[in-house]
Amino acid sequence: MTVYAFHTDAEGLYSETNDNTNPRLNATIWTDARGRYELRTIRPAPYPGGGIPAHIHYRISGSDFPDQGFELHFEGDPHLSARTKDRSAKRGRFGSIRPLERGEDGVWHCVFDMKLRR
């Protein structure tokens, strides 16, 4: 499977012109045979002006699945809406709101499992 991820920078912008169709922070990752992947990046900021929580966009493609999109949000973000929280809670381990944990190396880590639909 191919995983394409993109997000805003530390100022909440996708690019100098804030065009999310050509974000400067993006990556294409291939999963291993078990569907695992790793993305190393900065923590994105919410959009300027508030209201929209920080998030990472994911587009998954390949295998026998149709192309699918997901968003990862971070637990504790003050911009998360009640609707987003409720929807994430209903999905359990596949919810879009995930905790960040600081490792012994001082780096923040997050696990984001996605369940693909056929």
PDB file of N, CA and C in Angstrom:
ATOM      1  N   MET A   1       0.845  -1.177   0.000  1.00  0.00           N
ATOM      2  CA  MET A   1       0.000   0.000   0.000  1.00  0.00           C
ATOM      3  C   MET A   1       0.891   1.241   0.000  1.00  0.00           C
ATOM      4  N   THR A   2       0.380   2.295  -0.571  1.00  0.00           N
ATOM      5  CA  THR A   2       1.065   3.569  -0.581  1.00  0.00           C
ATOM      6  C   THR A   2       0.331   4.531   0.351  1.00  0.00           C
ATOM      7  N   VAL A   3       1.083   5.183   1.203  1.00  0.00           N
ATOM      8  CA  VAL A   3       0.540   6.165   2.138  1.00  0.00           C
ATOM      9  C   VAL A   3       1.132   7.520   1.764  1.00  0.00           C
ATOM     10  N   TYR A   4       0.268   8.465   1.429  1.00  0.00           N
ATOM     11  CA  TYR A   4       0.707   9.835   1.180  1.00  0.00           C
ATOM     12  C   TYR A   4       0.197  10.676   2.351  1.00  0.00           C
ATOM     13  N   ALA A   5       1.090  11.396   3.004  1.00  0.00           N
ATOM     14  CA  ALA A   5       0.728  12.225   4.152  1.00  0.00           C
ATOM     15  C   ALA A   5       1.185  13.655   3.915  1.00  0.00           C
ATOM     16  N   PHE A   6       0.374  14.609   4.392  1.00  0.00           N
ATOM     17  CA  PHE A   6       0.782  16.014   4.324  1.00  0.00           C
ATOM     18  C   PHE A   6       0.117  16.781   5.461  1.00  0.00           C
ATOM     19  N   HIS A   7       0.751  17.908   5.816  1.00  0.00           N
ATOM     20  CA  HIS A   7       0.215  18.713   6.913  1.00  0.00           C
ATOM     21  C   HIS A   7       0.806  20.110   6.897  1.00  0.00           C
ATOM     22  N   THR A   8       0.311  20.925   7.817  1.00  0.00           N
ATOM     23  CA  THR A   8       0.795  22.301   7.938  1.00  0.00           C
ATOM     24  C   THR A   8       2.135  22.336   8.667  1.00  0.00           C
ATOM     25  N   ASP A   9       2.763  23.497   8.621  1.00  0.00           N
ATOM     26  CA  ASP A   9       4.026  23.695   9.328  1.00  0.00           C
ATOM     27  C   ASP A   9       3.747  24.186  10.756  1.00  0.00           C
ATOM     28  N   ALA A  10       4.768  24.645  11.435  1.00  0.00           N
ATOM     29  CA  ALA A  10       4.631  25.108  12.823  1.00  0.00           C
ATOM     30  C   ALA A  10       3.824  26.400  12.932  1.00  0.00           C
ATOM     31  N   GLU A  11       3.556  27.058  11.799  1.00  0.00           N
ATOM     32  CA  GLU A  11       2.740  28.272  11.781  1.00  0.00           C
ATOM     33  C   GLU A  11       1.306  27.987  11.319  1.00  0.00           C
ATOM     34  N   GLY A  12       1.023  26.749  10.957  1.00  0.00           N
ATOM     35  CA  GLY A  12      -0.319  26.391  10.505  1.00  0.00           C
ATOM     36  C   GLY A  12      -0.543  26.580   9.017  1.00  0.00           C
ATOM     37  N   LEU A  13       0.535  26.696   8.246  1.00  0.00           N
ATOM     38  CA  LEU A  13       0.433  26.932   6.807  1.00  0.00           C
ATOM     39  C   LEU A  13       0.915  25.716   6.025  1.00  0.00           C
ATOM     40  N   TYR A  14       0.264  25.436   4.892  1.00  0.00           N
ATOM     41  CA  TYR A  14       0.680  24.327   4.033  1.00  0.00           C
ATOM     42  C   TYR A  14       1.870  24.713   3.146  1.00  0.00           C
ATOM     43  N   SER A  15       1.928  25.976   2.782  1.00  0.00           N
ATOM     44  CA  SER A  15       2.999  26.479   1.920  1.00  0.00           C
ATOM     45  C   SER A  15       3.053  27.991   2.092  1.00  0.00           C
ATOM     46  N   GLU A  16       3.960  28.638   1.384  1.00  0.00           N
ATOM     47  CA  GLU A  16       4.053  30.101   1.480  1.00  0.00           C
ATOM     48  C   GLU A  16       2.752  30.779   1.076  1.00  0.00           C
ATOM     49  N   THR A  17       2.018  30.157   0.150  1.00  0.00           N
ATOM     50  CA  THR A  17       0.730  30.709  -0.280  1.00  0.00           C
ATOM     51  C   THR A  17      -0.439  30.004   0.412  1.00  0.00           C
ATOM     52  N   ASN A  18      -0.132  29.095   1.355  1.00  0.00           N
ATOM     53  CA  ASN A  18      -1.096  28.291   2.097  1.00  0.00           C
ATOM     54  C   ASN A  18      -1.993  27.470   1.172  1.00  0.00           C
ATOM     55  N   ASP A  19      -1.389  26.915   0.136  1.00  0.00           N
ATOM     56  CA  ASP A  19      -2.100  26.088  -0.837  1.00  0.00           C
ATOM     57  C   ASP A  19      -1.985  24.627  -0.427  1.00  0.00           C
ATOM     58  N   ASN A  20      -3.099  24.016   0.006  1.00  0.00           N
ATOM     59  CA  ASN A  20      -3.017  22.623   0.451  1.00  0.00           C
ATOM     60  C   ASN A  20      -2.966  21.632  -0.704  1.00  0.00           C
ATOM     61  N   THR A  21      -3.052  22.106  -1.948  1.00  0.00           N
ATOM     62  CA  THR A  21      -2.892  21.197  -3.081  1.00  0.00           C
ATOM     63  C   THR A  21      -1.413  20.987  -3.414  1.00  0.00           C
ATOM     64  N   ASN A  22      -0.550  21.826  -2.829  1.00  0.00           N
ATOM     65  CA  ASN A  22       0.893  21.701  -3.040  1.00  0.00           C
ATOM     66  C   ASN A  22       1.621  21.954  -1.718  1.00  0.00           C
ATOM     67  N   PRO A  23       1.352  21.114  -0.699  1.00  0.00           N
ATOM     68  CA  PRO A  23       1.967  21.360   0.614  1.00  0.00           C
ATOM     69  C   PRO A  23       3.465  21.091   0.589  1.00  0.00           C
ATOM     70  N   ARG A  24       4.217  21.875   1.330  1.00  0.00           N
ATOM     71  CA  ARG A  24       5.659  21.648   1.348  1.00  0.00           C
ATOM     72  C   ARG A  24       6.052  20.552   2.321  1.00  0.00           C
ATOM     73  N   LEU A  25       5.221  20.230   3.320  1.00  0.00           N
ATOM     74  CA  LEU A  25       5.507  19.141   4.249  1.00  0.00           C
ATOM     75  C   LEU A  25       4.652  17.938   3.854  1.00  0.00           C
ATOM     76  N   ASN A  26       5.258  17.034   3.106  1.00  0.00           N
ATOM     77  CA  ASN A  26       4.531  15.862   2.615  1.00  0.00           C
ATOM     78  C   ASN A  26       5.499  14.704   2.458  1.00  0.00           C
ATOM     79  N   ALA A  27       4.925  13.515   2.422  1.00  0.00           N
ATOM     80  CA  ALA A  27       5.751  12.316   2.263  1.00  0.00           C
ATOM     81  C   ALA A  27       4.923  11.216   1.623  1.00  0.00           C
ATOM     82  N   THR A  28       5.590  10.398   0.841  1.00  0.00           N
ATOM     83  CA  THR A  28       4.990   9.179   0.314  1.00  0.00           C
ATOM     84  C   THR A  28       5.731   8.018   0.966  1.00  0.00           C
ATOM     85  N   ILE A  29       4.962   7.123   1.557  1.00  0.00           N
ATOM     86  CA  ILE A  29       5.512   6.009   2.327  1.00  0.00           C
ATOM     87  C   ILE A  29       4.883   4.727   1.815  1.00  0.00           C
ATOM     88  N   TRP A  30       5.649   3.649   1.791  1.00  0.00           N
ATOM     89  CA  TRP A  30       5.108   2.343   1.414  1.00  0.00           C
ATOM     90  C   TRP A  30       5.036   1.488   2.663  1.00  0.00           C
ATOM     91  N   THR A  31       3.922   0.811   2.837  1.00  0.00           N
ATOM     92  CA  THR A  31       3.769  -0.055   4.002  1.00  0.00           C
ATOM     93  C   THR A  31       4.570  -1.336   3.802  1.00  0.00           C
ATOM     94  N   ASP A  32       4.851  -2.009   4.911  1.00  0.00           N
ATOM     95  CA  ASP A  32       5.493  -3.315   4.803  1.00  0.00           C
ATOM     96  C   ASP A  32       4.425  -4.378   4.541  1.00  0.00           C
ATOM     97  N   ALA A  33       4.800  -5.637   4.518  1.00  0.00           N
ATOM     98  CA  ALA A  33       3.872  -6.725   4.196  1.00  0.00           C
ATOM     99  C   ALA A  33       2.707  -6.823   5.184  1.00  0.00           C
ATOM    100  N   ARG A  34       2.891  -6.295   6.386  1.00  0.00           N
ATOM    101  CA  ARG A  34       1.831  -6.332   7.397  1.00  0.00           C
ATOM    102  C   ARG A  34       1.033  -5.034   7.447  1.00  0.00           C
ATOM    103  N   GLY A  35       1.296  -4.112   6.526  1.00  0.00           N
ATOM    104  CA  GLY A  35       0.555  -2.859   6.475  1.00  0.00           C
ATOM    105  C   GLY A  35       1.078  -1.788   7.411  1.00  0.00           C
ATOM    106  N   ARG A  36       2.260  -1.972   7.968  1.00  0.00           N
ATOM    107  CA  ARG A  36       2.826  -0.996   8.896  1.00  0.00           C
ATOM    108  C   ARG A  36       3.614   0.067   8.132  1.00  0.00           C
ATOM    109  N   TYR A  37       3.666   1.242   8.719  1.00  0.00           N
ATOM    110  CA  TYR A  37       4.417   2.355   8.137  1.00  0.00           C
ATOM    111  C   TYR A  37       4.951   3.210   9.275  1.00  0.00           C
ATOM    112  N   GLU A  38       5.884   4.085   8.956  1.00  0.00           N
ATOM    113  CA  GLU A  38       6.396   5.043   9.937  1.00  0.00           C
ATOM    114  C   GLU A  38       6.580   6.379   9.242  1.00  0.00           C
ATOM    115  N   LEU A  39       6.080   7.416   9.878  1.00  0.00           N
ATOM    116  CA  LEU A  39       6.222   8.784   9.384  1.00  0.00           C
ATOM    117  C   LEU A  39       6.940   9.586  10.462  1.00  0.00           C
ATOM    118  N   ARG A  40       8.042  10.228  10.093  1.00  0.00           N
ATOM    119  CA  ARG A  40       8.763  11.103  11.016  1.00  0.00           C
ATOM    120  C   ARG A  40       8.624  12.523  10.494  1.00  0.00           C
ATOM    121  N   THR A  41       8.070  13.380  11.335  1.00  0.00           N
ATOM    122  CA  THR A  41       7.807  14.748  10.919  1.00  0.00           C
ATOM    123  C   THR A  41       7.669  15.638  12.143  1.00  0.00           C
ATOM    124  N   ILE A  42       7.357  16.892  11.934  1.00  0.00           N
ATOM    125  CA  ILE A  42       7.084  17.807  13.040  1.00  0.00           C
ATOM    126  C   ILE A  42       5.604  17.700  13.405  1.00  0.00           C
ATOM    127  N   ARG A  43       5.272  18.221  14.566  1.00  0.00           N
ATOM    128  CA  ARG A  43       3.856  18.316  14.919  1.00  0.00           C
ATOM    129  C   ARG A  43       3.287  19.536  14.199  1.00  0.00           C
ATOM    130  N   PRO A  44       2.235  19.336  13.408  1.00  0.00           N
ATOM    131  CA  PRO A  44       1.658  20.475  12.698  1.00  0.00           C
ATOM    132  C   PRO A  44       0.925  21.412  13.651  1.00  0.00           C
ATOM    133  N   ALA A  45       0.763  22.644  13.237  1.00  0.00           N
ATOM    134  CA  ALA A  45       0.001  23.628  14.002  1.00  0.00           C
ATOM    135  C   ALA A  45      -1.406  23.736  13.425  1.00  0.00           C
ATOM    136  N   PRO A  46      -2.364  24.188  14.233  1.00  0.00           N
ATOM    137  CA  PRO A  46      -3.702  24.448  13.684  1.00  0.00           C
ATOM    138  C   PRO A  46      -3.650  25.608  12.700  1.00  0.00           C
ATOM    139  N   TYR A  47      -4.685  25.715  11.892  1.00  0.00           N
ATOM    140  CA  TYR A  47      -4.752  26.823  10.938  1.00  0.00           C
ATOM    141  C   TYR A  47      -4.691  28.157  11.673  1.00  0.00           C
ATOM    142  N   PRO A  48      -4.103  29.173  11.055  1.00  0.00           N
ATOM    143  CA  PRO A  48      -4.079  30.500  11.677  1.00  0.00           C
ATOM    144  C   PRO A  48      -5.507  30.990  11.950  1.00  0.00           C
ATOM    145  N   GLY A  49      -5.694  31.644  13.054  1.00  0.00           N
ATOM    146  CA  GLY A  49      -7.007  32.161  13.398  1.00  0.00           C
ATOM    147  C   GLY A  49      -7.836  31.203  14.235  1.00  0.00           C
ATOM    148  N   GLY A  50      -7.335  29.992  14.430  1.00  0.00           N
ATOM    149  CA  GLY A  50      -8.031  29.030  15.291  1.00  0.00           C
ATOM    150  C   GLY A  50      -9.245  28.406  14.634  1.00  0.00           C
ATOM    151  N   GLY A  51      -9.884  27.547  15.381  1.00  0.00           N
ATOM    152  CA  GLY A  51     -11.097  26.895  14.917  1.00  0.00           C
ATOM    153  C   GLY A  51     -10.872  25.517  14.329  1.00  0.00           C
ATOM    154  N   ILE A  52      -9.794  25.331  13.598  1.00  0.00           N
ATOM    155  CA  ILE A  52      -9.504  24.037  12.986  1.00  0.00           C
ATOM    156  C   ILE A  52      -8.336  23.412  13.752  1.00  0.00           C
ATOM    157  N   PRO A  53      -8.527  22.204  14.298  1.00  0.00           N
ATOM    158  CA  PRO A  53      -7.439  21.585  15.070  1.00  0.00           C
ATOM    159  C   PRO A  53      -6.265  21.181  14.188  1.00  0.00           C
ATOM    160  N   ALA A  54      -5.108  21.035  14.809  1.00  0.00           N
ATOM    161  CA  ALA A  54      -3.937  20.510  14.098  1.00  0.00           C
ATOM    162  C   ALA A  54      -4.259  19.102  13.620  1.00  0.00           C
ATOM    163  N   HIS A  55      -3.793  18.762  12.423  1.00  0.00           N
ATOM    164  CA  HIS A  55      -4.095  17.441  11.877  1.00  0.00           C
ATOM    165  C   HIS A  55      -3.104  17.081  10.781  1.00  0.00           C
ATOM    166  N   ILE A  56      -3.060  15.800  10.481  1.00  0.00           N
ATOM    167  CA  ILE A  56      -2.270  15.293   9.360  1.00  0.00           C
ATOM    168  C   ILE A  56      -3.228  14.582   8.424  1.00  0.00           C
ATOM    169  N   HIS A  57      -3.152  14.904   7.136  1.00  0.00           N
ATOM    170  CA  HIS A  57      -3.965  14.251   6.108  1.00  0.00           C
ATOM    171  C   HIS A  57      -3.245  13.001   5.628  1.00  0.00           C
ATOM    172  N   TYR A  58      -3.999  11.931   5.440  1.00  0.00           N
ATOM    173  CA  TYR A  58      -3.477  10.688   4.881  1.00  0.00           C
ATOM    174  C   TYR A  58      -4.328  10.285   3.694  1.00  0.00           C
ATOM    175  N   ARG A  59      -3.683   9.860   2.619  1.00  0.00           N
ATOM    176  CA  ARG A  59      -4.345   9.270   1.461  1.00  0.00           C
ATOM    177  C   ARG A  59      -3.711   7.902   1.259  1.00  0.00           C
ATOM    178  N   ILE A  60      -4.513   6.852   1.282  1.00  0.00           N
ATOM    179  CA  ILE A  60      -4.038   5.483   1.165  1.00  0.00           C
ATOM    180  C   ILE A  60      -4.487   4.928  -0.176  1.00  0.00           C
ATOM    181  N   SER A  61      -3.594   4.254  -0.889  1.00  0.00           N
ATOM    182  CA  SER A  61      -3.949   3.662  -2.177  1.00  0.00           C
ATOM    183  C   SER A  61      -3.173   2.364  -2.376  1.00  0.00           C
ATOM    184  N   GLY A  62      -3.691   1.547  -3.269  1.00  0.00           N
ATOM    185  CA  GLY A  62      -3.007   0.312  -3.616  1.00  0.00           C
ATOM    186  C   GLY A  62      -3.796  -0.916  -3.249  1.00  0.00           C
ATOM    187  N   SER A  63      -3.234  -2.055  -3.595  1.00  0.00           N
ATOM    188  CA  SER A  63      -3.834  -3.358  -3.333  1.00  0.00           C
ATOM    189  C   SER A  63      -5.233  -3.418  -3.947  1.00  0.00           C
ATOM    190  N   ASP A  64      -6.144  -4.079  -3.290  1.00  0.00           N
ATOM    191  CA  ASP A  64      -7.508  -4.229  -3.817  1.00  0.00           C
ATOM    192  C   ASP A  64      -8.488  -3.265  -3.171  1.00  0.00           C
ATOM    193  N   PHE A  65      -7.992  -2.198  -2.570  1.00  0.00           N
ATOM    194  CA  PHE A  65      -8.842  -1.231  -1.888  1.00  0.00           C
ATOM    195  C   PHE A  65      -8.967   0.034  -2.724  1.00  0.00           C
ATOM    196  N   PRO A  66     -10.139   0.694  -2.676  1.00  0.00           N
ATOM    197  CA  PRO A  66     -10.242   2.005  -3.331  1.00  0.00           C
ATOM    198  C   PRO A  66      -9.411   3.029  -2.559  1.00  0.00           C
ATOM    199  N   ASP A  67      -8.987   4.096  -3.227  1.00  0.00           N
ATOM    200  CA  ASP A  67      -8.255   5.172  -2.560  1.00  0.00           C
ATOM    201  C   ASP A  67      -9.105   5.717  -1.413  1.00  0.00           C
ATOM    202  N   GLN A  68      -8.458   5.965  -0.281  1.00  0.00           N
ATOM    203  CA  GLN A  68      -9.184   6.429   0.898  1.00  0.00           C
ATOM    204  C   GLN A  68      -8.410   7.518   1.605  1.00  0.00           C
ATOM    205  N   GLY A  69      -9.135   8.406   2.276  1.00  0.00           N
ATOM    206  CA  GLY A  69      -8.519   9.495   3.008  1.00  0.00           C
ATOM    207  C   GLY A  69      -8.853   9.440   4.488  1.00  0.00           C
ATOM    208  N   PHE A  70      -7.900   9.878   5.306  1.00  0.00           N
ATOM    209  CA  PHE A  70      -8.062   9.914   6.754  1.00  0.00           C
ATOM    210  C   PHE A  70      -7.420  11.187   7.273  1.00  0.00           C
ATOM    211  N   GLU A  71      -7.817  11.606   8.473  1.00  0.00           N
ATOM    212  CA  GLU A  71      -7.152  12.698   9.165  1.00  0.00           C
ATOM    213  C   GLU A  71      -6.797  12.236  10.565  1.00  0.00           C
ATOM    214  N   LEU A  72      -5.593  12.559  10.987  1.00  0.00           N
ATOM    215  CA  LEU A  72      -5.128  12.284  12.339  1.00  0.00           C
ATOM    216  C   LEU A  72      -5.196  13.583  13.129  1.00  0.00           C
ATOM    217  N   HIS A  73      -5.877  13.544  14.272  1.00  0.00           N
ATOM    218  CA  HIS A  73      -5.927  14.671  15.206  1.00  0.00           C
ATOM    219  C   HIS A  73      -5.234  14.256  16.493  1.00  0.00           C
ATOM    220  N   PHE A  74      -4.880  15.229  17.318  1.00  0.00           N
ATOM    221  CA  PHE A  74      -4.127  14.948  18.529  1.00  0.00           C
ATOM    222  C   PHE A  74      -4.964  15.192  19.778  1.00  0.00           C
ATOM    223  N   GLU A  75      -4.938  14.208  20.658  1.00  0.00           N
ATOM    224  CA  GLU A  75      -5.672  14.284  21.914  1.00  0.00           C
ATOM    225  C   GLU A  75      -5.287  15.563  22.661  1.00  0.00           C
ATOM    226  N   GLY A  76      -6.281  16.229  23.233  1.00  0.00           N
ATOM    227  CA  GLY A  76      -6.040  17.436  24.015  1.00  0.00           C
ATOM    228  C   GLY A  76      -6.029  18.722  23.221  1.00  0.00           C
ATOM    229  N   ASP A  77      -6.179  18.659  21.902  1.00  0.00           N
ATOM    230  CA  ASP A  77      -6.198  19.880  21.088  1.00  0.00           C
ATOM    231  C   ASP A  77      -7.454  20.680  21.448  1.00  0.00           C
ATOM    232  N   PRO A  78      -7.312  21.936  21.846  1.00  0.00           N
ATOM    233  CA  PRO A  78      -8.486  22.718  22.260  1.00  0.00           C
ATOM    234  C   PRO A  78      -9.459  23.029  21.125  1.00  0.00           C
ATOM    235  N   HIS A  79      -9.054  22.824  19.884  1.00  0.00           N
ATOM    236  CA  HIS A  79      -9.930  23.121  18.744  1.00  0.00           C
ATOM    237  C   HIS A  79     -10.770  21.919  18.310  1.00  0.00           C
ATOM    238  N   LEU A  80     -10.619  20.774  18.960  1.00  0.00           N
ATOM    239  CA  LEU A  80     -11.411  19.600  18.588  1.00  0.00           C
ATOM    240  C   LEU A  80     -12.880  19.836  18.936  1.00  0.00           C
ATOM    241  N   SER A  81     -13.743  19.577  17.978  1.00  0.00           N
ATOM    242  CA  SER A  81     -15.183  19.760  18.206  1.00  0.00           C
ATOM    243  C   SER A  81     -15.765  18.536  18.911  1.00  0.00           C
ATOM    244  N   ALA A  82     -16.915  18.721  19.533  1.00  0.00           N
ATOM    245  CA  ALA A  82     -17.609  17.607  20.177  1.00  0.00           C
ATOM    246  C   ALA A  82     -17.962  16.541  19.141  1.00  0.00           C
ATOM    247  N   ARG A  83     -18.323  16.953  17.942  1.00  0.00           N
ATOM    248  CA  ARG A  83     -18.676  16.007  16.875  1.00  0.00           C
ATOM    249  C   ARG A  83     -17.470  15.144  16.496  1.00  0.00           C
ATOM    250  N   THR A  84     -16.302  15.770  16.327  1.00  0.00           N
ATOM    251  CA  THR A  84     -15.092  15.023  15.983  1.00  0.00           C
ATOM    252  C   THR A  84     -14.722  14.070  17.108  1.00  0.00           C
ATOM    253  N   LYS A  85     -14.823  14.516  18.345  1.00  0.00           N
ATOM    254  CA  LYS A  85     -14.527  13.657  19.493  1.00  0.00           C
ATOM    255  C   LYS A  85     -15.468  12.461  19.545  1.00  0.00           C
ATOM    256  N   ASP A  86     -16.756  12.699  19.324  1.00  0.00           N
ATOM    257  CA  ASP A  86     -17.745  11.621  19.369  1.00  0.00           C
ATOM    258  C   ASP A  86     -17.508  10.613  18.251  1.00  0.00           C
ATOM    259  N   ARG A  87     -17.276  11.093  17.040  1.00  0.00           N
ATOM    260  CA  ARG A  87     -17.024  10.215  15.896  1.00  0.00           C
ATOM    261  C   ARG A  87     -15.774   9.374  16.125  1.00  0.00           C
ATOM    262  N   SER A  88     -14.725   9.977  16.660  1.00  0.00           N
ATOM    263  CA  SER A  88     -13.488   9.256  16.929  1.00  0.00           C
ATOM    264  C   SER A  88     -13.707   8.185  18.004  1.00  0.00           C
ATOM    265  N   ALA A  89     -14.425   8.528  19.058  1.00  0.00           N
ATOM    266  CA  ALA A  89     -14.675   7.574  20.145  1.00  0.00           C
ATOM    267  C   ALA A  89     -15.434   6.351  19.649  1.00  0.00           C
ATOM    268  N   LYS A  90     -16.366   6.553  18.733  1.00  0.00           N
ATOM    269  CA  LYS A  90     -17.149   5.437  18.191  1.00  0.00           C
ATOM    270  C   LYS A  90     -16.285   4.471  17.377  1.00  0.00           C
ATOM    271  N   ARG A  91     -15.174   4.941  16.857  1.00  0.00           N
ATOM    272  CA  ARG A  91     -14.286   4.096  16.047  1.00  0.00           C
ATOM    273  C   ARG A  91     -13.230   3.374  16.879  1.00  0.00           C
ATOM    274  N   GLY A  92     -13.217   3.623  18.180  1.00  0.00           N
ATOM    275  CA  GLY A  92     -12.287   2.925  19.057  1.00  0.00           C
ATOM    276  C   GLY A  92     -10.841   3.092  18.637  1.00  0.00           C
ATOM    277  N   ARG A  93     -10.128   1.975  18.500  1.00  0.00           N
ATOM    278  CA  ARG A  93      -8.698   2.058  18.164  1.00  0.00           C
ATOM    279  C   ARG A  93      -8.450   2.628  16.776  1.00  0.00           C
ATOM    280  N   PHE A  94      -9.507   2.716  15.957  1.00  0.00           N
ATOM    281  CA  PHE A  94      -9.374   3.298  14.622  1.00  0.00           C
ATOM    282  C   PHE A  94      -9.858   4.750  14.593  1.00  0.00           C
ATOM    283  N   GLY A  95     -10.053   5.338  15.764  1.00  0.00           N
ATOM    284  CA  GLY A  95     -10.490   6.728  15.843  1.00  0.00           C
ATOM    285  C   GLY A  95      -9.424   7.683  15.346  1.00  0.00           C
ATOM    286  N   SER A  96      -9.861   8.881  14.988  1.00  0.00           N
ATOM    287  CA  SER A  96      -8.950   9.867  14.398  1.00  0.00           C
ATOM    288  C   SER A  96      -8.203  10.694  15.433  1.00  0.00           C
ATOM    289  N   ILE A  97      -8.611  10.651  16.685  1.00  0.00           N
ATOM    290  CA  ILE A  97      -7.939  11.419  17.732  1.00  0.00           C
ATOM    291  C   ILE A  97      -7.034  10.471  18.508  1.00  0.00           C
ATOM    292  N   ARG A  98      -5.744  10.742  18.470  1.00  0.00           N
ATOM    293  CA  ARG A  98      -4.772   9.837  19.083  1.00  0.00           C
ATOM    294  C   ARG A  98      -3.893  10.582  20.089  1.00  0.00           C
ATOM    295  N   PRO A  99      -3.456   9.885  21.124  1.00  0.00           N
ATOM    296  CA  PRO A  99      -2.559  10.520  22.093  1.00  0.00           C
ATOM    297  C   PRO A  99      -1.129  10.601  21.569  1.00  0.00           C
ATOM    298  N   LEU A 100      -0.441  11.620  22.023  1.00  0.00           N
ATOM    299  CA  LEU A 100       1.000  11.749  21.770  1.00  0.00           C
ATOM    300  C   LEU A 100       1.721  11.355  23.043  1.00  0.00           C
ATOM    301  N   GLU A 101       2.772  10.579  22.897  1.00  0.00           N
ATOM    302  CA  GLU A 101       3.559  10.166  24.050  1.00  0.00           C
ATOM    303  C   GLU A 101       5.022  10.475  23.775  1.00  0.00           C
ATOM    304  N   ARG A 102       5.680  11.064  24.767  1.00  0.00           N
ATOM    305  CA  ARG A 102       7.092  11.398  24.610  1.00  0.00           C
ATOM    306  C   ARG A 102       7.935  10.188  24.984  1.00  0.00           C
ATOM    307  N   GLY A 103       8.806   9.779  24.071  1.00  0.00           N
ATOM    308  CA  GLY A 103       9.687   8.653  24.322  1.00  0.00           C
ATOM    309  C   GLY A 103      10.869   9.055  25.190  1.00  0.00           C
ATOM    310  N   GLU A 104      11.645   8.071  25.607  1.00  0.00           N
ATOM    311  CA  GLU A 104      12.831   8.335  26.415  1.00  0.00           C
ATOM    312  C   GLU A 104      13.830   9.228  25.681  1.00  0.00           C
ATOM    313  N   ASP A 105      13.754   9.212  24.346  1.00  0.00           N
ATOM    314  CA  ASP A 105      14.637  10.043  23.532  1.00  0.00           C
ATOM    315  C   ASP A 105      14.158  11.490  23.428  1.00  0.00           C
ATOM    316  N   GLY A 106      13.011  11.800  24.062  1.00  0.00           N
ATOM    317  CA  GLY A 106      12.458  13.151  24.017  1.00  0.00           C
ATOM    318  C   GLY A 106      11.592  13.422  22.806  1.00  0.00           C
ATOM    319  N   VAL A 107      11.477  12.451  21.912  1.00  0.00           N
ATOM    320  CA  VAL A 107      10.695  12.608  20.687  1.00  0.00           C
ATOM    321  C   VAL A 107       9.256  12.172  20.950  1.00  0.00           C
ATOM    322  N   TRP A 108       8.310  12.924  20.408  1.00  0.00           N
ATOM    323  CA  TRP A 108       6.899  12.572  20.533  1.00  0.00           C
ATOM    324  C   TRP A 108       6.560  11.445  19.571  1.00  0.00           C
ATOM    325  N   HIS A 109       5.735  10.510  20.018  1.00  0.00           N
ATOM    326  CA  HIS A 109       5.317   9.366  19.210  1.00  0.00           C
ATOM    327  C   HIS A 109       3.796   9.259  19.231  1.00  0.00           C
ATOM    328  N   CYS A 110       3.254   8.769  18.142  1.00  0.00           N
ATOM    329  CA  CYS A 110       1.813   8.585  18.022  1.00  0.00           C
ATOM    330  C   CYS A 110       1.569   7.346  17.164  1.00  0.00           C
ATOM    331  N   VAL A 111       0.600   6.531  17.568  1.00  0.00           N
ATOM    332  CA  VAL A 111       0.199   5.371  16.770  1.00  0.00           C
ATOM    333  C   VAL A 111      -1.155   5.693  16.164  1.00  0.00           C
ATOM    334  N   PHE A 112      -1.253   5.556  14.844  1.00  0.00           N
ATOM    335  CA  PHE A 112      -2.501   5.835  14.131  1.00  0.00           C
ATOM    336  C   PHE A 112      -2.821   4.645  13.242  1.00  0.00           C
ATOM    337  N   ASP A 113      -3.721   3.793  13.711  1.00  0.00           N
ATOM    338  CA  ASP A 113      -4.172   2.642  12.932  1.00  0.00           C
ATOM    339  C   ASP A 113      -5.371   3.062  12.084  1.00  0.00           C
ATOM    340  N   MET A 114      -5.352   2.676  10.827  1.00  0.00           N
ATOM    341  CA  MET A 114      -6.451   2.996   9.920  1.00  0.00           C
ATOM    342  C   MET A 114      -7.085   1.715   9.432  1.00  0.00           C
ATOM    343  N   LYS A 115      -8.397   1.690   9.391  1.00  0.00           N
ATOM    344  CA  LYS A 115      -9.141   0.527   8.896  1.00  0.00           C
ATOM    345  C   LYS A 115      -9.681   0.880   7.521  1.00  0.00           C
ATOM    346  N   LEU A 116      -9.198   0.144   6.512  1.00  0.00           N
ATOM    347  CA  LEU A 116      -9.609   0.426   5.139  1.00  0.00           C
ATOM    348  C   LEU A 116     -10.953  -0.220   4.831  1.00  0.00           C
ATOM    349  N   ARG A 117     -11.719   0.448   3.986  1.00  0.00           N
ATOM    350  CA  ARG A 117     -13.022  -0.056   3.542  1.00  0.00           C
ATOM    351  C   ARG A 117     -12.890  -0.604   2.134  1.00  0.00           C
ATOM    352  N   ARG A 118     -13.616  -1.620   1.834  1.00  0.00           N
ATOM    353  CA  ARG A 118     -13.632  -2.181   0.467  1.00  0.00           C
ATOM    354  C   ARG A 118     -14.716  -1.553  -0.352  1.00  0.00           C
TER     355      ARG A 118
END
